Structures are given as structure tokens and as C-alpha cells.
N, C-alpha and C. Protein backbone atom coordinates (compact mmCIF):
# COMPACT_ATOMS: atom_id res chain seq x y z
N UNK A 1 75.10 -88.75 143.49
CA UNK A 1 74.09 -87.30 143.34
C UNK A 1 75.16 -86.38 143.66
N UNK A 2 75.14 -85.03 143.14
CA UNK A 2 75.88 -83.85 143.57
C UNK A 2 75.09 -83.35 144.58
N UNK A 3 76.12 -82.49 145.40
CA UNK A 3 75.57 -81.89 146.59
C UNK A 3 74.39 -80.78 146.38
N UNK A 4 74.41 -80.41 145.29
CA UNK A 4 73.49 -79.29 144.87
C UNK A 4 71.87 -79.89 144.93
N UNK A 5 71.85 -81.17 144.82
CA UNK A 5 70.71 -81.70 144.70
C UNK A 5 69.88 -81.94 145.97
N UNK A 6 70.52 -81.64 147.11
CA UNK A 6 70.03 -81.87 148.09
C UNK A 6 69.51 -80.57 148.69
N UNK A 7 68.47 -80.32 149.78
CA UNK A 7 68.15 -79.33 150.23
C UNK A 7 69.10 -78.23 151.02
N UNK A 8 68.97 -77.10 151.10
CA UNK A 8 69.94 -76.11 151.86
C UNK A 8 70.10 -76.50 153.07
N UNK A 9 71.53 -76.50 153.66
CA UNK A 9 71.57 -77.11 155.00
C UNK A 9 71.96 -78.54 155.02
N UNK A 10 71.71 -79.32 154.33
CA UNK A 10 71.72 -80.94 154.31
C UNK A 10 73.31 -81.28 154.22
N UNK A 11 73.69 -81.95 155.44
CA UNK A 11 75.07 -82.15 155.48
C UNK A 11 76.13 -81.22 155.75
N UNK A 12 75.93 -79.68 155.70
CA UNK A 12 76.70 -78.85 156.10
C UNK A 12 76.76 -78.46 157.58
N UNK A 13 78.06 -77.68 157.93
CA UNK A 13 78.40 -77.58 159.27
C UNK A 13 77.28 -76.52 159.85
N UNK A 14 77.03 -76.31 161.14
CA UNK A 14 76.20 -75.40 161.64
C UNK A 14 76.48 -74.00 161.11
N UNK A 15 75.53 -73.13 160.50
CA UNK A 15 76.01 -71.85 160.30
C UNK A 15 76.81 -71.64 158.72
N UNK A 16 76.88 -72.84 158.13
CA UNK A 16 77.77 -72.73 156.94
C UNK A 16 76.56 -71.91 155.91
N UNK A 17 75.40 -72.35 155.99
CA UNK A 17 74.67 -71.74 154.79
C UNK A 17 74.15 -70.37 155.24
N UNK A 18 74.30 -69.47 154.44
CA UNK A 18 74.17 -68.14 154.55
C UNK A 18 72.45 -68.10 154.70
N UNK A 19 71.92 -67.27 155.67
CA UNK A 19 70.58 -67.29 155.88
C UNK A 19 69.83 -68.38 156.51
N UNK A 20 70.53 -69.40 156.71
CA UNK A 20 70.18 -70.70 157.32
C UNK A 20 69.24 -70.55 158.77
N UNK A 21 69.78 -69.63 159.54
CA UNK A 21 68.95 -68.93 160.45
C UNK A 21 69.20 -69.70 161.67
N UNK A 22 70.39 -70.35 161.93
CA UNK A 22 70.82 -71.37 163.03
C UNK A 22 72.02 -70.77 163.65
N UNK A 23 72.11 -70.50 165.01
CA UNK A 23 73.15 -69.84 165.53
C UNK A 23 74.35 -70.78 165.50
N UNK A 24 75.43 -70.26 165.63
CA UNK A 24 76.59 -71.01 166.17
C UNK A 24 76.71 -71.71 167.31
N UNK A 25 77.14 -72.79 167.51
CA UNK A 25 77.26 -73.62 168.73
C UNK A 25 76.00 -73.95 169.24
N UNK A 26 75.17 -74.36 168.34
CA UNK A 26 73.68 -74.76 168.28
C UNK A 26 73.94 -76.42 168.23
N UNK A 27 74.98 -76.84 168.44
CA UNK A 27 74.90 -78.60 168.06
C UNK A 27 74.97 -78.66 166.57
N UNK A 28 74.76 -79.86 166.53
CA UNK A 28 74.59 -80.61 165.17
C UNK A 28 73.60 -79.82 164.28
N UNK A 29 73.75 -79.72 163.09
CA UNK A 29 72.75 -78.77 162.22
C UNK A 29 71.37 -79.70 161.99
N UNK A 30 70.37 -79.24 161.88
CA UNK A 30 69.16 -79.74 161.39
C UNK A 30 69.23 -80.55 160.15
N UNK A 31 68.68 -81.75 159.93
CA UNK A 31 68.69 -82.41 158.70
C UNK A 31 67.60 -81.86 157.91
N UNK A 32 67.58 -81.01 157.01
CA UNK A 32 66.43 -80.72 156.01
C UNK A 32 66.01 -81.45 155.05
N UNK A 33 64.68 -81.73 154.82
CA UNK A 33 64.31 -82.26 153.60
C UNK A 33 63.20 -81.87 153.16
N UNK A 34 62.94 -82.05 151.86
CA UNK A 34 61.63 -81.30 151.26
C UNK A 34 60.28 -81.72 151.79
N UNK A 35 59.59 -80.96 152.18
CA UNK A 35 58.11 -81.38 152.59
C UNK A 35 57.21 -82.10 151.76
N UNK A 36 56.87 -83.21 151.87
CA UNK A 36 56.13 -83.94 150.99
C UNK A 36 54.58 -83.52 150.74
N UNK A 37 53.79 -84.05 150.20
CA UNK A 37 52.44 -83.66 149.98
C UNK A 37 51.72 -83.67 151.15
N UNK A 38 51.67 -84.53 151.50
CA UNK A 38 50.71 -84.95 152.65
C UNK A 38 50.93 -83.99 154.16
N UNK A 39 52.30 -83.80 154.48
CA UNK A 39 52.56 -83.05 155.36
C UNK A 39 51.98 -81.23 155.09
N UNK A 40 52.14 -81.17 153.90
CA UNK A 40 51.52 -79.73 153.46
C UNK A 40 50.33 -79.73 153.44
N UNK A 41 49.20 -80.85 153.18
CA UNK A 41 48.16 -81.08 153.37
C UNK A 41 47.68 -80.68 154.87
N UNK A 42 48.31 -81.53 155.70
CA UNK A 42 47.95 -81.36 157.16
C UNK A 42 48.04 -79.98 157.64
N UNK A 43 49.30 -79.20 157.44
CA UNK A 43 49.48 -77.69 157.68
C UNK A 43 48.32 -76.85 157.09
N UNK A 44 47.99 -77.52 155.89
CA UNK A 44 47.03 -76.43 155.33
C UNK A 44 45.80 -76.59 155.87
N UNK A 45 45.46 -77.85 156.47
CA UNK A 45 44.22 -78.01 156.98
C UNK A 45 44.21 -77.35 158.64
N UNK A 46 45.11 -77.36 159.32
CA UNK A 46 45.59 -76.67 160.47
C UNK A 46 45.08 -75.24 160.20
N UNK A 47 45.79 -74.43 159.15
CA UNK A 47 45.76 -73.10 158.98
C UNK A 47 44.21 -72.67 158.62
N UNK A 48 43.60 -73.73 157.68
CA UNK A 48 42.17 -73.43 157.44
C UNK A 48 40.99 -73.51 158.98
N UNK A 49 41.27 -74.25 159.48
CA UNK A 49 40.65 -74.29 160.92
C UNK A 49 41.05 -73.06 161.49
N UNK A 50 42.21 -72.59 161.55
CA UNK A 50 42.53 -71.31 162.44
C UNK A 50 41.75 -70.04 161.53
N UNK A 51 41.74 -70.10 160.44
CA UNK A 51 41.21 -68.93 159.51
C UNK A 51 39.82 -69.05 159.61
N UNK A 52 39.02 -70.29 159.83
CA UNK A 52 37.75 -70.19 160.08
C UNK A 52 37.20 -69.33 161.10
N UNK A 53 38.02 -69.71 162.26
CA UNK A 53 37.79 -69.34 163.59
C UNK A 53 38.04 -67.81 163.55
N UNK A 54 39.11 -67.12 162.85
CA UNK A 54 39.30 -65.88 162.86
C UNK A 54 38.19 -65.25 162.04
N UNK A 55 37.70 -65.79 161.01
CA UNK A 55 36.72 -65.13 160.03
C UNK A 55 35.29 -64.78 160.87
N UNK A 56 35.03 -65.95 161.82
CA UNK A 56 33.78 -66.24 162.28
C UNK A 56 33.77 -64.96 163.48
N UNK A 57 34.94 -64.76 164.19
CA UNK A 57 34.94 -63.84 165.29
C UNK A 57 35.06 -62.33 164.61
N UNK A 58 35.79 -62.32 163.69
CA UNK A 58 35.80 -61.11 162.93
C UNK A 58 34.38 -60.67 162.03
N UNK A 59 33.99 -61.42 161.58
CA UNK A 59 32.55 -61.50 161.00
C UNK A 59 31.49 -60.90 162.04
N UNK A 60 31.69 -61.64 162.95
CA UNK A 60 30.64 -61.25 163.98
C UNK A 60 30.72 -59.62 164.27
N UNK A 61 31.74 -59.05 164.21
CA UNK A 61 31.86 -57.68 164.67
C UNK A 61 31.71 -56.64 163.30
N UNK A 62 32.13 -57.04 162.29
CA UNK A 62 32.10 -56.10 161.14
C UNK A 62 30.93 -56.53 160.10
N UNK A 63 30.47 -57.63 160.01
CA UNK A 63 29.40 -57.85 158.97
C UNK A 63 28.02 -57.23 159.21
N UNK A 64 27.74 -56.83 158.29
CA UNK A 64 26.33 -56.24 158.59
C UNK A 64 25.39 -56.86 158.91
N UNK A 65 24.16 -56.50 159.95
CA UNK A 65 23.16 -57.20 160.58
C UNK A 65 22.13 -57.63 159.36
N UNK A 66 21.82 -58.71 159.79
CA UNK A 66 20.79 -58.94 158.51
C UNK A 66 19.19 -58.78 159.29
N UNK A 67 18.39 -58.29 158.64
CA UNK A 67 16.96 -57.98 159.06
C UNK A 67 16.00 -58.62 158.28
N UNK A 68 14.86 -59.10 158.90
CA UNK A 68 13.82 -59.61 158.31
C UNK A 68 12.68 -58.87 158.50
N UNK A 69 12.03 -58.42 157.19
CA UNK A 69 10.88 -57.64 157.17
C UNK A 69 9.75 -58.61 156.61
N UNK A 70 8.62 -58.78 157.39
CA UNK A 70 7.42 -59.56 157.03
C UNK A 70 6.49 -58.51 156.03
N UNK A 71 6.16 -59.18 154.98
CA UNK A 71 5.20 -58.39 154.25
C UNK A 71 4.02 -59.57 154.10
N UNK A 72 2.67 -59.06 154.12
CA UNK A 72 1.61 -59.59 153.97
C UNK A 72 1.21 -59.75 152.47
N UNK A 73 1.24 -60.93 152.25
CA UNK A 73 0.71 -61.55 150.82
C UNK A 73 -0.87 -61.78 150.62
N UNK A 74 -1.67 -61.07 150.32
CA UNK A 74 -3.27 -61.72 150.41
C UNK A 74 -3.54 -62.62 149.45
N UNK A 75 -4.35 -63.51 149.65
CA UNK A 75 -4.98 -64.59 148.81
C UNK A 75 -6.33 -64.22 148.85
N UNK A 76 -6.70 -63.24 148.05
CA UNK A 76 -8.21 -62.92 148.19
C UNK A 76 -9.15 -63.85 147.80
N UNK A 77 -10.51 -63.55 148.30
CA UNK A 77 -11.60 -64.48 147.81
C UNK A 77 -12.46 -63.75 146.85
N UNK A 78 -13.58 -64.14 146.85
CA UNK A 78 -14.39 -63.36 145.91
C UNK A 78 -14.78 -61.83 146.46
N UNK A 79 -14.65 -61.69 147.84
CA UNK A 79 -14.79 -60.32 148.61
C UNK A 79 -13.76 -59.44 148.26
N UNK A 80 -12.48 -60.01 147.87
CA UNK A 80 -11.38 -59.10 147.83
C UNK A 80 -10.80 -59.01 149.14
N UNK A 81 -11.02 -59.41 150.25
CA UNK A 81 -10.85 -58.95 151.69
C UNK A 81 -9.78 -60.14 152.01
N UNK A 82 -8.56 -59.68 152.91
CA UNK A 82 -7.60 -60.45 153.44
C UNK A 82 -7.87 -60.59 155.12
N UNK A 83 -7.07 -61.85 155.60
CA UNK A 83 -7.37 -62.03 156.83
C UNK A 83 -5.77 -62.34 157.42
N UNK A 84 -5.69 -61.65 158.42
CA UNK A 84 -4.17 -61.70 159.16
C UNK A 84 -3.74 -63.13 159.20
N UNK A 85 -2.66 -63.77 159.24
CA UNK A 85 -2.33 -65.05 159.53
C UNK A 85 -2.69 -65.60 161.03
N UNK A 86 -2.30 -64.21 161.86
CA UNK A 86 -2.63 -64.52 163.33
C UNK A 86 -4.18 -64.94 163.51
N UNK A 87 -4.98 -64.04 162.72
CA UNK A 87 -6.60 -64.66 162.88
C UNK A 87 -6.77 -66.08 162.26
N UNK A 88 -6.10 -66.59 161.78
CA UNK A 88 -6.65 -67.85 160.99
C UNK A 88 -6.88 -68.71 162.33
N UNK A 89 -5.94 -68.66 163.08
CA UNK A 89 -6.11 -69.52 164.27
C UNK A 89 -7.49 -69.51 165.06
N UNK A 90 -7.91 -68.23 165.17
CA UNK A 90 -9.13 -68.01 165.75
C UNK A 90 -10.39 -68.41 164.83
N UNK A 91 -10.38 -68.47 163.81
CA UNK A 91 -11.59 -68.95 162.79
C UNK A 91 -11.55 -70.31 162.23
N UNK A 92 -12.74 -71.02 162.32
CA UNK A 92 -12.77 -72.23 162.11
C UNK A 92 -12.68 -72.38 160.58
N UNK A 93 -13.51 -71.65 159.79
CA UNK A 93 -13.55 -71.57 158.55
C UNK A 93 -13.20 -70.23 157.75
N UNK A 94 -12.17 -69.85 157.92
CA UNK A 94 -11.91 -68.25 157.45
C UNK A 94 -12.45 -68.30 155.92
N UNK A 95 -12.98 -66.87 155.90
CA UNK A 95 -13.27 -66.89 154.12
C UNK A 95 -12.10 -66.46 153.31
N UNK A 96 -11.02 -65.95 153.99
CA UNK A 96 -9.80 -65.69 153.16
C UNK A 96 -8.56 -65.72 154.04
N UNK A 97 -7.72 -65.90 153.25
CA UNK A 97 -6.50 -66.35 153.95
C UNK A 97 -5.31 -65.35 153.65
N UNK A 98 -4.34 -64.93 154.25
CA UNK A 98 -3.04 -64.37 153.85
C UNK A 98 -2.10 -64.76 154.56
N UNK A 99 -0.78 -64.51 153.87
CA UNK A 99 0.35 -65.43 154.26
C UNK A 99 1.34 -64.29 154.38
N UNK A 100 2.36 -64.54 155.29
CA UNK A 100 3.41 -63.57 155.65
C UNK A 100 4.79 -64.13 154.69
N UNK A 101 5.31 -63.05 153.95
CA UNK A 101 6.31 -63.34 152.96
C UNK A 101 7.67 -62.65 153.85
N UNK A 102 8.72 -63.38 154.00
CA UNK A 102 9.96 -62.58 154.49
C UNK A 102 10.73 -62.02 153.49
N UNK A 103 11.05 -60.86 153.90
CA UNK A 103 12.04 -60.26 152.97
C UNK A 103 13.48 -59.91 153.90
N UNK A 104 14.51 -60.48 153.54
CA UNK A 104 15.62 -60.21 154.16
C UNK A 104 16.36 -58.74 153.58
N UNK A 105 16.69 -58.06 154.62
CA UNK A 105 17.44 -56.87 154.27
C UNK A 105 18.71 -56.73 154.74
N UNK A 106 19.63 -56.46 154.01
CA UNK A 106 21.26 -56.69 154.58
C UNK A 106 21.90 -55.16 154.42
N UNK A 107 22.70 -54.76 155.41
CA UNK A 107 23.11 -53.30 154.91
C UNK A 107 24.21 -53.67 154.09
N UNK A 108 25.43 -52.46 154.05
CA UNK A 108 26.35 -52.65 153.10
C UNK A 108 27.42 -53.27 153.48
N UNK A 109 27.65 -54.35 152.82
CA UNK A 109 28.65 -55.40 153.03
C UNK A 109 29.83 -55.17 152.04
N UNK A 110 29.87 -54.58 151.23
CA UNK A 110 31.20 -54.31 150.41
C UNK A 110 32.50 -54.20 151.04
N UNK A 111 32.80 -53.22 151.94
CA UNK A 111 33.93 -53.04 152.82
C UNK A 111 34.11 -54.35 153.56
N UNK A 112 33.24 -54.69 154.44
CA UNK A 112 33.27 -55.59 155.37
C UNK A 112 33.77 -57.08 154.81
N UNK A 113 33.11 -57.20 153.41
CA UNK A 113 33.47 -58.37 152.56
C UNK A 113 34.89 -58.46 151.84
N UNK A 114 35.29 -57.24 151.73
CA UNK A 114 36.64 -56.98 151.17
C UNK A 114 37.79 -57.30 152.33
N UNK A 115 37.54 -56.74 153.44
CA UNK A 115 38.30 -56.83 154.59
C UNK A 115 38.35 -58.69 155.13
N UNK A 116 37.19 -59.11 154.96
CA UNK A 116 37.21 -60.47 155.27
C UNK A 116 37.87 -61.36 154.10
N UNK A 117 37.90 -61.01 153.00
CA UNK A 117 38.67 -61.37 151.90
C UNK A 117 40.34 -61.36 152.15
N UNK A 118 40.72 -60.28 152.75
CA UNK A 118 42.04 -59.99 152.98
C UNK A 118 42.72 -60.84 154.31
N UNK A 119 41.75 -61.47 155.00
CA UNK A 119 42.36 -62.12 156.25
C UNK A 119 43.39 -63.39 155.58
N UNK A 120 42.87 -64.08 154.91
CA UNK A 120 43.78 -65.21 154.42
C UNK A 120 45.15 -64.69 153.82
N UNK A 121 44.74 -63.70 152.98
CA UNK A 121 45.96 -63.11 152.52
C UNK A 121 46.90 -62.57 153.29
N UNK A 122 46.51 -61.82 154.24
CA UNK A 122 47.50 -61.18 155.26
C UNK A 122 48.05 -62.35 156.15
N UNK A 123 47.18 -63.45 156.51
CA UNK A 123 47.73 -64.55 157.26
C UNK A 123 48.91 -65.23 156.55
N UNK A 124 48.76 -65.63 155.43
CA UNK A 124 50.04 -66.42 154.79
C UNK A 124 51.03 -65.53 154.42
N UNK A 125 50.97 -64.12 153.75
CA UNK A 125 51.99 -63.42 153.30
C UNK A 125 52.68 -62.96 154.76
N UNK A 126 52.12 -62.52 155.79
CA UNK A 126 52.92 -62.15 156.82
C UNK A 126 53.69 -63.04 157.48
N UNK A 127 52.86 -64.15 157.88
CA UNK A 127 53.48 -65.32 158.45
C UNK A 127 54.69 -65.95 157.98
N UNK A 128 54.47 -66.04 156.62
CA UNK A 128 55.50 -66.77 155.70
C UNK A 128 56.77 -66.02 155.16
N UNK A 129 56.46 -64.65 155.66
CA UNK A 129 57.69 -63.78 155.16
C UNK A 129 58.40 -63.35 156.62
N UNK A 130 57.55 -63.62 157.71
CA UNK A 130 58.13 -63.20 159.10
C UNK A 130 59.43 -63.89 159.24
N UNK A 131 59.90 -63.91 160.54
CA UNK A 131 61.27 -64.75 160.99
C UNK A 131 60.61 -66.02 161.39
N UNK A 132 59.38 -66.08 161.55
CA UNK A 132 59.15 -67.47 161.77
C UNK A 132 59.34 -68.44 160.31
N UNK A 133 59.00 -67.76 159.36
CA UNK A 133 58.94 -68.32 157.85
C UNK A 133 58.18 -69.57 157.64
N UNK A 134 57.04 -69.30 158.43
CA UNK A 134 55.98 -70.28 158.59
C UNK A 134 54.48 -69.98 159.03
N UNK A 135 53.47 -70.24 158.48
CA UNK A 135 52.19 -70.09 159.31
C UNK A 135 52.09 -71.03 160.38
N UNK A 136 51.08 -70.77 161.42
CA UNK A 136 51.04 -71.87 162.45
C UNK A 136 50.66 -73.24 162.26
N UNK A 137 49.97 -73.61 161.15
CA UNK A 137 49.69 -74.93 160.83
C UNK A 137 51.31 -75.21 160.18
N UNK A 138 52.03 -74.71 159.45
CA UNK A 138 53.20 -75.14 159.16
C UNK A 138 54.26 -75.45 160.10
N UNK A 139 54.21 -74.34 161.32
CA UNK A 139 55.12 -74.66 162.41
C UNK A 139 54.67 -75.95 163.35
N UNK A 140 53.39 -76.06 163.44
CA UNK A 140 53.01 -77.54 163.98
C UNK A 140 53.38 -78.28 163.01
N UNK A 141 53.51 -78.75 161.96
CA UNK A 141 54.11 -79.83 161.32
C UNK A 141 55.58 -79.52 161.04
N UNK A 142 56.39 -78.56 161.54
CA UNK A 142 57.70 -78.47 161.46
C UNK A 142 57.98 -78.20 159.95
N UNK A 143 57.42 -77.40 159.39
CA UNK A 143 57.60 -76.85 157.80
C UNK A 143 57.87 -75.50 157.91
N UNK A 144 58.73 -74.94 157.04
CA UNK A 144 59.13 -73.56 156.74
C UNK A 144 59.23 -73.40 155.27
N UNK A 145 58.96 -72.01 154.98
CA UNK A 145 58.86 -71.76 153.46
C UNK A 145 60.27 -70.84 153.51
N UNK A 146 61.30 -71.23 152.62
CA UNK A 146 62.25 -70.45 152.20
C UNK A 146 62.59 -70.27 150.67
N UNK A 147 63.75 -69.36 150.57
CA UNK A 147 63.84 -69.23 149.10
C UNK A 147 64.77 -70.45 148.61
N UNK A 148 65.11 -70.68 147.45
CA UNK A 148 66.04 -71.65 146.77
C UNK A 148 67.24 -71.90 147.41
N UNK A 149 67.63 -70.79 148.38
CA UNK A 149 68.89 -70.68 148.76
C UNK A 149 68.80 -70.98 150.34
N UNK A 150 67.55 -71.37 150.54
CA UNK A 150 67.32 -71.68 152.17
C UNK A 150 67.04 -70.31 153.02
N UNK A 151 66.83 -69.07 152.28
CA UNK A 151 67.04 -68.16 153.17
C UNK A 151 65.22 -67.49 153.19
N UNK A 152 65.34 -66.66 154.26
CA UNK A 152 63.79 -66.15 154.37
C UNK A 152 63.19 -65.42 153.39
N UNK A 153 61.93 -65.56 152.98
CA UNK A 153 61.43 -64.97 151.98
C UNK A 153 61.09 -63.69 152.11
N UNK A 154 60.91 -62.72 150.93
CA UNK A 154 60.63 -61.04 151.20
C UNK A 154 59.02 -61.43 151.29
N UNK A 155 58.31 -59.89 151.51
CA UNK A 155 56.81 -59.87 151.27
C UNK A 155 56.28 -59.92 150.14
N UNK A 156 57.28 -59.41 149.18
CA UNK A 156 56.99 -59.56 147.63
C UNK A 156 56.92 -60.93 147.09
N UNK A 157 58.01 -61.82 147.49
CA UNK A 157 57.84 -63.21 147.05
C UNK A 157 56.82 -63.84 147.77
N UNK A 158 56.65 -63.77 149.02
CA UNK A 158 55.24 -64.33 149.71
C UNK A 158 54.12 -63.95 148.90
N UNK A 159 53.85 -62.78 148.49
CA UNK A 159 52.71 -62.09 147.93
C UNK A 159 52.36 -62.85 146.57
N UNK A 160 53.51 -62.89 145.98
CA UNK A 160 53.36 -63.66 144.62
C UNK A 160 52.90 -65.19 144.67
N UNK A 161 53.71 -65.83 145.82
CA UNK A 161 53.16 -67.09 145.95
C UNK A 161 51.97 -67.24 146.31
N UNK A 162 51.38 -66.41 147.15
CA UNK A 162 49.89 -66.42 147.58
C UNK A 162 49.22 -66.41 146.38
N UNK A 163 49.30 -65.25 145.54
CA UNK A 163 48.52 -65.03 144.38
C UNK A 163 48.37 -66.03 143.58
N UNK A 164 49.46 -66.62 143.39
CA UNK A 164 49.60 -67.75 142.18
C UNK A 164 48.77 -68.99 142.98
N UNK A 165 49.08 -69.24 144.09
CA UNK A 165 48.24 -70.26 144.83
C UNK A 165 46.74 -70.22 145.12
N UNK A 166 46.23 -68.72 145.26
CA UNK A 166 44.97 -68.57 145.36
C UNK A 166 44.02 -68.63 144.09
N UNK A 167 44.80 -67.96 142.84
CA UNK A 167 43.99 -67.78 141.80
C UNK A 167 44.45 -69.02 140.64
N UNK A 168 45.41 -69.56 140.96
CA UNK A 168 45.76 -70.71 139.77
C UNK A 168 45.95 -72.09 140.24
N UNK A 169 46.71 -72.32 141.39
CA UNK A 169 47.24 -73.50 141.78
C UNK A 169 45.72 -74.33 142.18
N UNK A 170 45.02 -73.56 143.08
CA UNK A 170 43.79 -74.20 143.57
C UNK A 170 42.62 -74.34 142.88
N UNK A 171 42.12 -73.00 142.09
CA UNK A 171 41.03 -72.91 141.31
C UNK A 171 41.12 -73.90 140.11
N UNK A 172 42.18 -74.01 139.66
CA UNK A 172 42.20 -74.94 138.24
C UNK A 172 42.58 -76.38 138.55
N UNK A 173 41.46 -76.86 139.04
CA UNK A 173 41.39 -78.53 139.37
C UNK A 173 42.75 -78.75 140.37
N UNK A 174 43.16 -77.89 141.03
CA UNK A 174 44.09 -78.15 142.28
C UNK A 174 45.38 -78.70 141.46
N UNK A 175 45.68 -78.54 140.18
CA UNK A 175 46.76 -79.02 139.40
C UNK A 175 48.11 -78.42 139.93
N UNK A 176 48.12 -77.10 140.25
CA UNK A 176 49.14 -76.61 140.76
C UNK A 176 49.63 -77.03 142.19
N UNK A 177 48.64 -77.60 143.02
CA UNK A 177 48.85 -78.02 144.25
C UNK A 177 49.20 -79.70 144.10
N UNK A 178 48.80 -80.43 143.28
CA UNK A 178 49.06 -81.76 143.31
C UNK A 178 50.54 -81.94 142.53
N UNK A 179 50.97 -80.81 142.11
CA UNK A 179 52.18 -80.87 141.44
C UNK A 179 53.60 -81.04 142.58
N UNK A 180 52.99 -81.01 143.88
CA UNK A 180 54.07 -81.29 145.01
C UNK A 180 54.23 -82.69 144.96
N UNK A 181 53.34 -83.36 144.71
CA UNK A 181 53.59 -84.78 145.19
C UNK A 181 54.70 -85.37 143.67
N UNK A 182 54.98 -84.67 142.65
CA UNK A 182 55.64 -85.31 141.35
C UNK A 182 56.57 -84.34 141.09
N UNK A 183 57.11 -83.25 141.83
CA UNK A 183 58.08 -82.62 141.15
C UNK A 183 59.34 -83.03 142.10
N UNK A 184 60.64 -82.68 141.91
CA UNK A 184 61.70 -83.30 142.49
C UNK A 184 61.97 -82.84 143.98
N UNK A 185 61.61 -81.57 143.84
CA UNK A 185 62.03 -80.68 145.24
C UNK A 185 60.48 -80.47 145.58
N UNK A 186 59.60 -81.28 145.51
CA UNK A 186 58.32 -81.11 146.08
C UNK A 186 57.67 -79.77 145.95
N UNK A 187 57.67 -79.22 144.62
CA UNK A 187 57.08 -77.80 144.76
C UNK A 187 55.96 -77.83 143.79
N UNK A 188 55.18 -76.97 144.33
CA UNK A 188 53.67 -76.77 143.78
C UNK A 188 53.99 -75.72 142.66
N UNK A 189 52.91 -75.32 142.01
CA UNK A 189 53.44 -74.29 140.79
C UNK A 189 53.50 -73.06 141.35
N UNK A 190 52.85 -72.70 142.32
CA UNK A 190 53.23 -71.55 143.21
C UNK A 190 54.55 -71.36 143.75
N UNK A 191 55.17 -72.37 144.13
CA UNK A 191 56.63 -72.62 144.60
C UNK A 191 57.51 -72.33 143.35
N UNK A 192 57.23 -73.09 142.15
CA UNK A 192 58.01 -72.90 140.92
C UNK A 192 58.06 -71.43 140.54
N UNK A 193 56.69 -70.81 140.59
CA UNK A 193 56.88 -69.30 140.01
C UNK A 193 57.59 -68.23 141.07
N UNK A 194 57.37 -68.83 142.11
CA UNK A 194 57.87 -67.74 143.42
C UNK A 194 59.20 -67.96 143.59
N UNK A 195 59.68 -69.34 143.31
CA UNK A 195 61.13 -69.60 143.51
C UNK A 195 61.25 -69.76 145.15
N UNK A 196 60.28 -70.56 145.60
CA UNK A 196 60.25 -71.00 147.08
C UNK A 196 60.54 -72.31 147.34
N UNK A 197 60.93 -72.88 148.46
CA UNK A 197 60.86 -74.30 148.75
C UNK A 197 59.98 -74.44 150.25
N UNK A 198 59.49 -75.55 150.46
CA UNK A 198 58.85 -75.70 151.81
C UNK A 198 59.57 -77.16 152.14
N UNK A 199 60.49 -76.71 153.11
CA UNK A 199 61.29 -77.86 153.96
C UNK A 199 60.74 -78.21 155.02
N UNK A 200 61.20 -79.35 155.73
CA UNK A 200 60.90 -79.89 156.86
C UNK A 200 62.19 -80.52 157.52
N UNK A 201 61.99 -80.09 158.94
CA UNK A 201 63.12 -80.57 159.93
C UNK A 201 63.03 -81.97 160.44
N UNK A 202 63.94 -82.71 160.57
CA UNK A 202 63.72 -84.12 160.96
C UNK A 202 63.78 -84.07 162.59
N UNK A 203 64.13 -82.87 163.08
CA UNK A 203 64.41 -82.76 164.71
C UNK A 203 63.79 -81.36 165.27
N UNK A 204 63.77 -81.18 166.64
CA UNK A 204 63.30 -80.15 166.98
C UNK A 204 63.61 -78.77 166.91
N UNK A 205 64.88 -78.71 166.15
CA UNK A 205 65.64 -77.17 165.83
C UNK A 205 64.91 -76.51 164.90
N UNK A 206 63.84 -77.25 164.43
CA UNK A 206 62.99 -76.24 163.44
C UNK A 206 62.43 -74.93 163.86
N UNK A 207 62.35 -75.10 165.53
CA UNK A 207 61.88 -73.86 165.80
C UNK A 207 62.87 -72.82 166.19
N UNK A 208 64.20 -73.16 165.98
CA UNK A 208 65.24 -72.18 166.05
C UNK A 208 65.44 -70.97 164.91
N UNK A 209 65.04 -69.87 164.96
CA UNK A 209 65.01 -69.16 163.86
C UNK A 209 65.92 -67.83 164.02
N UNK A 210 66.19 -67.51 162.67
CA UNK A 210 67.04 -66.21 162.90
C UNK A 210 66.43 -65.08 163.37
N UNK A 211 66.75 -64.64 164.52
CA UNK A 211 65.88 -63.45 165.20
C UNK A 211 65.97 -62.06 164.71
N UNK A 212 66.83 -62.07 163.53
CA UNK A 212 66.99 -60.65 162.78
C UNK A 212 65.75 -60.49 162.30
N UNK A 213 65.20 -59.22 162.34
CA UNK A 213 63.92 -58.75 161.81
C UNK A 213 64.38 -58.31 160.12
């Protein structure tokens, strides 16, 4: 098998790979392998938990208040009169009965809803294009997102990757995500289109990143 078939950094001396992000003199280079399907599932679940907590906190402060307004709906008898629901308990055989119908009133939610929708987009795009090259979930699973050359991805590439994942890979029967299990370089549809790889390090040197912003 030719050396080009291996992930960036595989078997190369430390610092030989441009943009690999590992400083000179850091010892033996980490052994990179393509991140498999289940590693990426676990990372996504961790990120989902974090995003859910963030949405809950943010929603508490910016989402509009829900107000319930009760409106009396009469059930008339032959006299056409109504009786308040509170008075029913005080009457043994009320001539008439009325019920209270709740009406939920919500303030303007368009802007808060837009902000809530932007949270996961900013989360994935900014983390994966940062010097960390990974979301918190990916870091905990020792994964990072790189270009096909093993370099840090740009914000534009991270944006394309997120949009394809959010609007094609996941919604269409998750086919774009399941492709990770069957492609040679463990790429989903979003990785193929954006030109990215998700790599995993077999040792703790995954946390050593290029400190250049």
C-alpha cells in the first residue's frame, strides 16, 4: 500500500507534516488513524448534551414568557345564565355550569428563536476551525477535524461542513452520516464535500495543538 493511503502524519518524523501542529522535540509523533463511526457517535452525543444545557440556560434568559389567560366558556341552561366554576363547589345542584378555557399567550419569539438556532452552528463552526480543531465532545474522544492534508480547517470550510451535515447528511435518512462506516477514509457526505477528515490519535499527544492563531 502506498504511503498516500495512510492518514496525515502516519509514520512520518515529528514536524515533517506541514500544519500537523506538533512542535519539534516533542518525542515520537502520534499515530493518526481515521476516526471510526462509533467514536464519532460518542463525540456527537457528548456535544448534544453540552448543546442541550447551553440551550436551556440561554432559553431561560431570552425566550419570551408564556402567559395563560383564562376565559370563561358558559354552558347555558334554559335560563341562559352561567355560573362561575368556583361557585360550583358551593352548590349542590347548580342550574348552570361554566368552564374556564386556558388561552396561552406568547410574546415575540422570532429573534430569540433565530438566536437559539445559531447556537449549534456557532458551536461546531468556531470550535472545529479553532486551534483546538475539535468540539469538546471530539476532544474528549481524542478526535480532530482536519483538511485532507492534516491542516487546520478554515471558518469557511467548517461552515460548509456544518451546513451539509445539518441540511443533507442528517435529514435525509442519516445516509450522509452512515457513509462514515463504509468509506475508505471514514468520511461522511459532509466530509467528502467540504474536503475534511476526522482523525483520532492513539496516544495523549492529541491535546498538543498548534498555538498559532
